Protein backbone atom coordinates (compact mmCIF):
# COMPACT_ATOMS: atom_id res chain seq x y z
CA UNK A 1 -0.04 0.01 -0.03
CA UNK A 2 1.24 3.43 -1.06
CA UNK A 3 1.86 6.05 1.67
CA UNK A 4 -0.46 8.88 2.17
CA UNK A 5 1.44 12.13 1.62
CA UNK A 6 0.59 15.47 3.36
CA UNK A 7 2.31 18.72 2.25
CA UNK A 8 1.86 21.75 4.52
CA UNK A 9 2.37 25.33 2.63
CA UNK A 10 3.01 28.63 4.25
CA UNK A 11 4.65 31.98 2.58
CA UNK A 12 8.22 31.25 3.60
CA UNK A 13 8.26 27.65 4.81
CA UNK A 14 10.27 28.92 8.07
CA UNK A 15 7.61 29.19 10.59
CA UNK A 16 4.19 27.88 10.04
CA UNK A 17 4.28 24.81 7.72
CA UNK A 18 7.43 23.48 9.07
CA UNK A 19 5.73 23.52 12.71
CA UNK A 20 2.85 21.79 10.91
CA UNK A 21 4.99 19.08 9.44
CA UNK A 22 6.88 18.41 12.90
CA UNK A 23 3.53 18.30 14.92
CA UNK A 24 1.95 15.83 12.22
CA UNK A 25 5.11 14.10 12.38
CA UNK A 26 4.75 13.75 16.19
CA UNK A 27 1.18 12.59 15.78
CA UNK A 28 2.22 9.78 13.20
CA UNK A 29 5.01 8.58 15.37
CA UNK A 30 2.81 8.34 18.44
CA UNK A 31 0.24 6.26 16.46
CA UNK A 32 2.97 4.38 14.93
CA UNK A 33 1.90 5.29 11.30
CA UNK A 34 5.49 6.20 9.83
CA UNK A 35 5.10 3.67 7.29
CA UNK A 36 1.52 4.74 6.04
CA UNK A 37 1.96 8.59 6.23
CA UNK A 38 4.71 11.06 4.89
CA UNK A 39 4.88 14.75 5.71
CA UNK A 40 6.87 17.49 4.03
CA UNK A 41 6.40 21.36 3.92
CA UNK A 42 6.92 23.93 1.30
CA UNK A 43 6.71 27.78 0.56
CA UNK A 44 4.47 29.65 -2.00
CA UNK A 45 7.75 32.14 -2.22
CA UNK A 46 11.39 31.03 -2.77
CA UNK A 47 12.73 33.64 -0.45
CA UNK A 48 14.16 31.41 2.23
CA UNK A 49 14.89 28.31 -0.06
CA UNK A 50 17.49 26.29 1.86
CA UNK A 51 17.02 27.97 5.23
CA UNK A 52 16.28 26.03 8.40
CA UNK A 53 13.00 26.92 10.27
CA UNK A 54 13.01 30.12 12.28
CA UNK A 55 14.69 29.44 15.82
CA UNK A 56 11.77 30.91 17.57
CA UNK A 57 9.47 28.14 15.60
CA UNK A 58 12.24 25.54 16.49
CA UNK A 59 12.43 26.20 20.44
CA UNK A 60 8.54 26.63 20.90
CA UNK A 61 7.78 23.43 19.07
CA UNK A 62 10.60 21.71 20.78
CA UNK A 63 9.07 22.75 24.36
CA UNK A 64 6.10 20.86 23.41
CA UNK A 65 8.07 17.75 22.28
CA UNK A 66 8.10 18.36 18.39
CA UNK A 67 11.32 18.23 16.26
CA UNK A 68 11.45 20.65 13.44
CA UNK A 69 14.16 19.49 10.99
CA UNK A 70 12.93 20.72 7.68
CA UNK A 71 14.68 23.30 5.27
CA UNK A 72 12.60 25.68 3.35
CA UNK A 73 11.85 24.99 -0.34
CA UNK A 74 9.26 26.40 -2.48
CA UNK A 75 6.29 24.60 -3.78
CA UNK A 76 6.84 23.03 -7.20
CA UNK A 77 3.62 22.57 -9.07
CA UNK A 78 4.67 20.06 -11.65
CA UNK A 79 5.76 17.60 -8.87
CA UNK A 80 4.02 18.58 -5.78
CA UNK A 81 0.41 18.55 -7.03
CA UNK A 82 0.99 14.95 -8.23
CA UNK A 83 2.99 13.75 -5.46
CA UNK A 84 0.75 14.68 -2.41
CA UNK A 85 -2.73 13.60 -1.67
CA UNK A 86 -3.30 16.59 0.97
CA UNK A 87 -1.96 19.99 0.33
CA UNK A 88 -2.55 21.81 3.43
CA UNK A 89 -2.30 25.73 3.38
CA UNK A 90 -1.84 27.95 6.54
CA UNK A 91 -3.95 31.05 5.35
CA UNK A 92 -6.10 32.63 2.57
CA UNK A 93 -3.27 33.85 0.75
CA UNK A 94 -1.35 30.59 0.56
CA UNK A 95 -4.68 28.67 -0.35
CA UNK A 96 -5.23 31.21 -3.24
CA UNK A 97 -1.66 31.20 -4.46
CA UNK A 98 -1.76 27.23 -4.68
CA UNK A 99 -4.95 27.25 -6.15
CA UNK A 100 -3.68 29.73 -8.88
CA UNK A 101 -0.83 27.38 -9.59
CA UNK A 102 -3.27 24.64 -10.42
CA UNK A 103 -3.65 26.03 -14.05
CA UNK A 104 -5.81 23.37 -15.34
CA UNK A 105 -7.78 23.16 -12.02
CA UNK A 106 -7.12 19.51 -11.73
CA UNK A 107 -5.95 19.28 -8.02
CA UNK A 108 -8.58 21.46 -6.28
CA UNK A 109 -9.91 18.21 -4.22
CA UNK A 110 -6.28 17.98 -2.63
CA UNK A 111 -6.10 21.71 -1.46
CA UNK A 112 -7.33 22.46 2.01
CA UNK A 113 -6.67 25.21 4.73
CA UNK A 114 -5.36 23.54 8.12
CA UNK A 115 -8.23 25.30 9.84
CA UNK A 116 -10.70 23.27 7.96
CA UNK A 117 -9.54 20.44 10.13
CA UNK A 118 -9.55 22.19 13.54
CA UNK A 119 -12.14 21.23 16.20
CA UNK A 120 -11.93 24.93 17.57
CA UNK A 121 -13.42 27.15 14.88
CA UNK A 122 -12.29 30.23 16.40
CA UNK A 123 -9.63 30.95 13.97
CA UNK A 124 -10.36 31.28 10.11
CA UNK A 125 -6.40 31.13 9.38
CA UNK A 126 -3.16 30.35 10.84
CA UNK A 127 -1.70 33.62 11.53
CA UNK A 128 2.01 34.29 10.54
CA UNK A 129 3.86 34.83 13.77
CA UNK A 130 7.17 36.01 12.09
CA UNK A 131 6.76 39.64 13.16
CA UNK A 132 5.10 38.64 16.66
CA UNK A 133 6.37 37.53 20.12
CA UNK A 134 6.32 34.38 21.98
CA UNK A 135 2.60 34.51 22.64
CA UNK A 136 1.98 34.58 18.67
CA UNK A 137 4.24 31.43 18.19
CA UNK A 138 2.17 29.59 20.95
CA UNK A 139 -1.13 30.53 19.33
CA UNK A 140 0.03 29.23 16.07
CA UNK A 141 1.29 25.96 17.74
CA UNK A 142 -2.23 25.64 19.37
CA UNK A 143 -4.00 26.01 16.15
CA UNK A 144 -1.55 23.69 14.23
CA UNK A 145 -1.88 20.91 17.03
CA UNK A 146 -5.65 21.19 16.74
CA UNK A 147 -5.73 21.08 12.87
CA UNK A 148 -3.33 18.09 12.78
CA UNK A 149 -5.14 16.27 14.96
CA UNK A 150 -8.16 16.66 12.76
CA UNK A 151 -6.36 15.92 9.64
CA UNK A 152 -5.01 12.93 11.06
CA UNK A 153 -8.32 11.76 11.91
CA UNK A 154 -9.67 12.63 8.51
CA UNK A 155 -6.79 10.58 6.83
CA UNK A 156 -7.36 7.48 9.21
CA UNK A 157 -11.10 7.44 8.23
CA UNK A 158 -10.63 7.70 4.75
CA UNK A 159 -7.35 6.63 3.24
CA UNK A 160 -5.71 4.06 5.70
C-alpha cells in the first residue's frame, strides 16, 4: 500500500508549515503510522529556500515535544500536485496562491486550509507569527496541533 502524503504550505516555509510538518510527524509517530503517512512542507515563495526554520519556531515546538528539522523549499507545481494527497495551506493567501498554480484546475480536491480540520473554529487562518512575539508562536502551535489532530483523523477515516 502506498503512503498517504501530506504537504503543508505557508509563505516562507520557516514558521508555520515546518511547525505543522513537525507536529504531524509527532502524531504519526505516536500512532505508529510512519510507514503509512509521509509529511513535508513548502513555501509559496522561494525567498528562504534552503534555510532552516525560524529559531523561535524550533524552540517553541521543541518545548511541546515536536522536532522541527525541515529546510525551506518552494512549492513545485509540476511535481507537488501529483505527489501529494493533501496540500494543506496556512492562510487565505497561501490557499489562493496554490489554487492559482493549479492552472488546469485538476487538483482542487487536494487543496485545504489547516483550519478546516480544527475542532476549535475560533480561527479562520493560521496567522503568521514572524513579526510577533512568543505568544504568537504559542497561538500558532495551538492552532496547528488542533488542525493536525483533525487532519490525522480525516486521513485515518478515509485513506488508511
